[in-house]
């Protein structure tokens, strides 16, 4: 019943910015943590950022710290990922996910979106 849908992925040049969105439908509560993950071709899915259910705490992978910002608007049932100073190595399919535990491991996230493609070119 609960669905997560990502949007906003597109082709951008290195150094550019992009904002991803993840809408949550079918949920009567926002009391779950959320995170962004990404997966490049031939690579394992990796943690990007996470945000506490209330939005009061965030966590970032070292590779994106200082460039990406995760946020959420529970009134709109939407999660965001603002990506600045994009690099070629940021190219991947980006997924949003929900968890009942405060964690960075994919195994702790029980609900996943379908993914949105982000391609950074030079």
C-alpha atoms as a PDB file:
ATOM      1  CA  UNK A   1       0.000   0.000   0.000  1.00  0.00           C
ATOM      2  CA  UNK A   2       2.823   2.402   0.853  1.00  0.00           C
ATOM      3  CA  UNK A   3       4.747   3.576  -2.195  1.00  0.00           C
ATOM      4  CA  UNK A   4       7.863   5.697  -2.662  1.00  0.00           C
ATOM      5  CA  UNK A   5       8.407   7.420  -6.001  1.00  0.00           C
ATOM      6  CA  UNK A   6      11.579   9.316  -6.924  1.00  0.00           C
ATOM      7  CA  UNK A   7      11.743  12.080  -9.501  1.00  0.00           C
ATOM      8  CA  UNK A   8      14.078  14.811 -10.712  1.00  0.00           C
ATOM      9  CA  UNK A   9      16.937  12.784 -12.147  1.00  0.00           C
ATOM     10  CA  UNK A  10      18.395  14.040 -15.432  1.00  0.00           C
ATOM     11  CA  UNK A  11      21.554  14.772 -17.387  1.00  0.00           C
ATOM     12  CA  UNK A  12      23.675  17.587 -15.954  1.00  0.00           C
ATOM     13  CA  UNK A  13      27.209  18.837 -16.493  1.00  0.00           C
ATOM     14  CA  UNK A  14      29.913  18.518 -13.880  1.00  0.00           C
ATOM     15  CA  UNK A  15      29.720  21.371 -11.410  1.00  0.00           C
ATOM     16  CA  UNK A  16      25.986  21.715 -11.832  1.00  0.00           C
ATOM     17  CA  UNK A  17      23.145  21.214  -9.375  1.00  0.00           C
ATOM     18  CA  UNK A  18      20.078  19.029  -9.201  1.00  0.00           C
ATOM     19  CA  UNK A  19      17.288  18.377  -6.716  1.00  0.00           C
ATOM     20  CA  UNK A  20      15.704  14.972  -6.349  1.00  0.00           C
ATOM     21  CA  UNK A  21      12.300  14.397  -4.790  1.00  0.00           C
ATOM     22  CA  UNK A  22      10.688  11.326  -3.270  1.00  0.00           C
ATOM     23  CA  UNK A  23       6.968  11.298  -2.619  1.00  0.00           C
ATOM     24  CA  UNK A  24       5.434   8.908  -0.115  1.00  0.00           C
ATOM     25  CA  UNK A  25       1.861   7.758  -0.604  1.00  0.00           C
ATOM     26  CA  UNK A  26      -0.422   5.420   1.299  1.00  0.00           C
ATOM     27  CA  UNK A  27       1.067   6.144   4.731  1.00  0.00           C
ATOM     28  CA  UNK A  28      -0.846   7.506   7.704  1.00  0.00           C
ATOM     29  CA  UNK A  29       2.316   8.274   9.677  1.00  0.00           C
ATOM     30  CA  UNK A  30       5.619  10.014   8.986  1.00  0.00           C
ATOM     31  CA  UNK A  31       7.387   8.409  11.945  1.00  0.00           C
ATOM     32  CA  UNK A  32      10.024   6.587   9.935  1.00  0.00           C
ATOM     33  CA  UNK A  33      13.560   7.483   8.980  1.00  0.00           C
ATOM     34  CA  UNK A  34      14.398   8.004   5.333  1.00  0.00           C
ATOM     35  CA  UNK A  35      17.495   7.765   3.249  1.00  0.00           C
ATOM     36  CA  UNK A  36      18.987   8.184  -0.196  1.00  0.00           C
ATOM     37  CA  UNK A  37      21.092   5.469  -1.793  1.00  0.00           C
ATOM     38  CA  UNK A  38      22.702   5.191  -5.195  1.00  0.00           C
ATOM     39  CA  UNK A  39      23.927   2.442  -7.456  1.00  0.00           C
ATOM     40  CA  UNK A  40      26.271   2.824 -10.410  1.00  0.00           C
ATOM     41  CA  UNK A  41      26.596   0.142 -13.121  1.00  0.00           C
ATOM     42  CA  UNK A  42      28.595  -2.824 -11.874  1.00  0.00           C
ATOM     43  CA  UNK A  43      28.755  -1.489  -8.321  1.00  0.00           C
ATOM     44  CA  UNK A  44      26.995  -2.231  -5.057  1.00  0.00           C
ATOM     45  CA  UNK A  45      24.289   0.042  -3.764  1.00  0.00           C
ATOM     46  CA  UNK A  46      25.827   2.644  -1.473  1.00  0.00           C
ATOM     47  CA  UNK A  47      24.565   4.954   1.221  1.00  0.00           C
ATOM     48  CA  UNK A  48      24.296   8.642   0.359  1.00  0.00           C
ATOM     49  CA  UNK A  49      22.330  10.392   3.104  1.00  0.00           C
ATOM     50  CA  UNK A  50      19.745   9.771   5.816  1.00  0.00           C
ATOM     51  CA  UNK A  51      17.345  11.890   7.820  1.00  0.00           C
ATOM     52  CA  UNK A  52      15.622  11.195  11.132  1.00  0.00           C
ATOM     53  CA  UNK A  53      11.847  10.838  11.090  1.00  0.00           C
ATOM     54  CA  UNK A  54      11.388  14.284  12.652  1.00  0.00           C
ATOM     55  CA  UNK A  55      14.009  15.889  10.416  1.00  0.00           C
ATOM     56  CA  UNK A  56      16.115  16.883  13.430  1.00  0.00           C
ATOM     57  CA  UNK A  57      19.153  14.804  12.520  1.00  0.00           C
ATOM     58  CA  UNK A  58      20.970  13.956   9.290  1.00  0.00           C
ATOM     59  CA  UNK A  59      23.873  11.785   8.201  1.00  0.00           C
ATOM     60  CA  UNK A  60      25.964  11.843   5.027  1.00  0.00           C
ATOM     61  CA  UNK A  61      28.448   9.664   3.239  1.00  0.00           C
ATOM     62  CA  UNK A  62      31.927  11.194   3.180  1.00  0.00           C
ATOM     63  CA  UNK A  63      31.835  11.328  -0.604  1.00  0.00           C
ATOM     64  CA  UNK A  64      28.914  13.775  -0.650  1.00  0.00           C
ATOM     65  CA  UNK A  65      29.407  15.677   2.601  1.00  0.00           C
ATOM     66  CA  UNK A  66      29.389  19.409   2.001  1.00  0.00           C
ATOM     67  CA  UNK A  67      27.836  19.038  -1.447  1.00  0.00           C
ATOM     68  CA  UNK A  68      24.517  17.265  -0.846  1.00  0.00           C
ATOM     69  CA  UNK A  69      21.707  18.205   1.525  1.00  0.00           C
ATOM     70  CA  UNK A  70      18.896  15.903   2.591  1.00  0.00           C
ATOM     71  CA  UNK A  71      15.618  17.329   3.852  1.00  0.00           C
ATOM     72  CA  UNK A  72      12.004  16.325   4.298  1.00  0.00           C
ATOM     73  CA  UNK A  73       8.613  17.958   4.429  1.00  0.00           C
ATOM     74  CA  UNK A  74       6.347  15.629   6.367  1.00  0.00           C
ATOM     75  CA  UNK A  75       3.303  17.804   5.727  1.00  0.00           C
ATOM     76  CA  UNK A  76       3.821  17.155   2.012  1.00  0.00           C
ATOM     77  CA  UNK A  77       5.016  13.562   2.469  1.00  0.00           C
ATOM     78  CA  UNK A  78       8.107  14.398   0.463  1.00  0.00           C
ATOM     79  CA  UNK A  79      11.833  13.735   0.824  1.00  0.00           C
ATOM     80  CA  UNK A  80      14.440  15.823  -1.001  1.00  0.00           C
ATOM     81  CA  UNK A  81      18.076  15.576  -1.962  1.00  0.00           C
ATOM     82  CA  UNK A  82      19.737  18.801  -3.063  1.00  0.00           C
ATOM     83  CA  UNK A  83      22.900  17.984  -5.012  1.00  0.00           C
ATOM     84  CA  UNK A  84      25.455  20.708  -5.703  1.00  0.00           C
ATOM     85  CA  UNK A  85      28.909  20.686  -7.301  1.00  0.00           C
ATOM     86  CA  UNK A  86      28.110  17.441  -9.066  1.00  0.00           C
ATOM     87  CA  UNK A  87      30.965  15.208 -10.179  1.00  0.00           C
ATOM     88  CA  UNK A  88      31.188  12.483 -12.809  1.00  0.00           C
ATOM     89  CA  UNK A  89      31.418   9.904 -10.041  1.00  0.00           C
ATOM     90  CA  UNK A  90      27.958  10.946  -8.821  1.00  0.00           C
ATOM     91  CA  UNK A  91      26.435   9.282 -11.879  1.00  0.00           C
ATOM     92  CA  UNK A  92      24.099   6.539 -10.670  1.00  0.00           C
ATOM     93  CA  UNK A  93      20.522   5.499 -10.147  1.00  0.00           C
ATOM     94  CA  UNK A  94      19.337   7.191  -6.973  1.00  0.00           C
ATOM     95  CA  UNK A  95      16.859   5.474  -4.671  1.00  0.00           C
ATOM     96  CA  UNK A  96      14.896   6.745  -1.703  1.00  0.00           C
ATOM     97  CA  UNK A  97      14.018   4.360   1.092  1.00  0.00           C
ATOM     98  CA  UNK A  98      12.305   4.208   4.478  1.00  0.00           C
ATOM     99  CA  UNK A  99      13.487   2.573   7.687  1.00  0.00           C
ATOM    100  CA  UNK A 100      12.211   2.027  11.214  1.00  0.00           C
ATOM    101  CA  UNK A 101      15.784   2.051  12.508  1.00  0.00           C
ATOM    102  CA  UNK A 102      18.289   4.905  12.416  1.00  0.00           C
ATOM    103  CA  UNK A 103      20.870   3.349  10.132  1.00  0.00           C
ATOM    104  CA  UNK A 104      22.931   3.629   6.949  1.00  0.00           C
ATOM    105  CA  UNK A 105      22.933  -0.022   5.873  1.00  0.00           C
ATOM    106  CA  UNK A 106      20.546  -0.874   3.021  1.00  0.00           C
ATOM    107  CA  UNK A 107      19.374  -3.968   4.912  1.00  0.00           C
ATOM    108  CA  UNK A 108      17.702  -1.768   7.517  1.00  0.00           C
ATOM    109  CA  UNK A 109      15.506  -0.057   4.930  1.00  0.00           C
ATOM    110  CA  UNK A 110      12.286  -1.917   4.260  1.00  0.00           C
ATOM    111  CA  UNK A 111      10.583   0.283   1.656  1.00  0.00           C
ATOM    112  CA  UNK A 112      12.199   1.383  -1.598  1.00  0.00           C
ATOM    113  CA  UNK A 113      11.364   3.551  -4.560  1.00  0.00           C
ATOM    114  CA  UNK A 114      11.942   2.601  -8.187  1.00  0.00           C
ATOM    115  CA  UNK A 115      14.947   4.866  -8.654  1.00  0.00           C
ATOM    116  CA  UNK A 116      15.745   7.885 -10.806  1.00  0.00           C
ATOM    117  CA  UNK A 117      18.742   8.210 -13.121  1.00  0.00           C
ATOM    118  CA  UNK A 118      21.282  10.956 -12.515  1.00  0.00           C
ATOM    119  CA  UNK A 119      23.953  11.372 -15.171  1.00  0.00           C
ATOM    120  CA  UNK A 120      26.805  13.847 -14.758  1.00  0.00           C
ATOM    121  CA  UNK A 121      28.794  14.586 -17.898  1.00  0.00           C
ATOM    122  CA  UNK A 122      31.782  16.727 -18.811  1.00  0.00           C
END
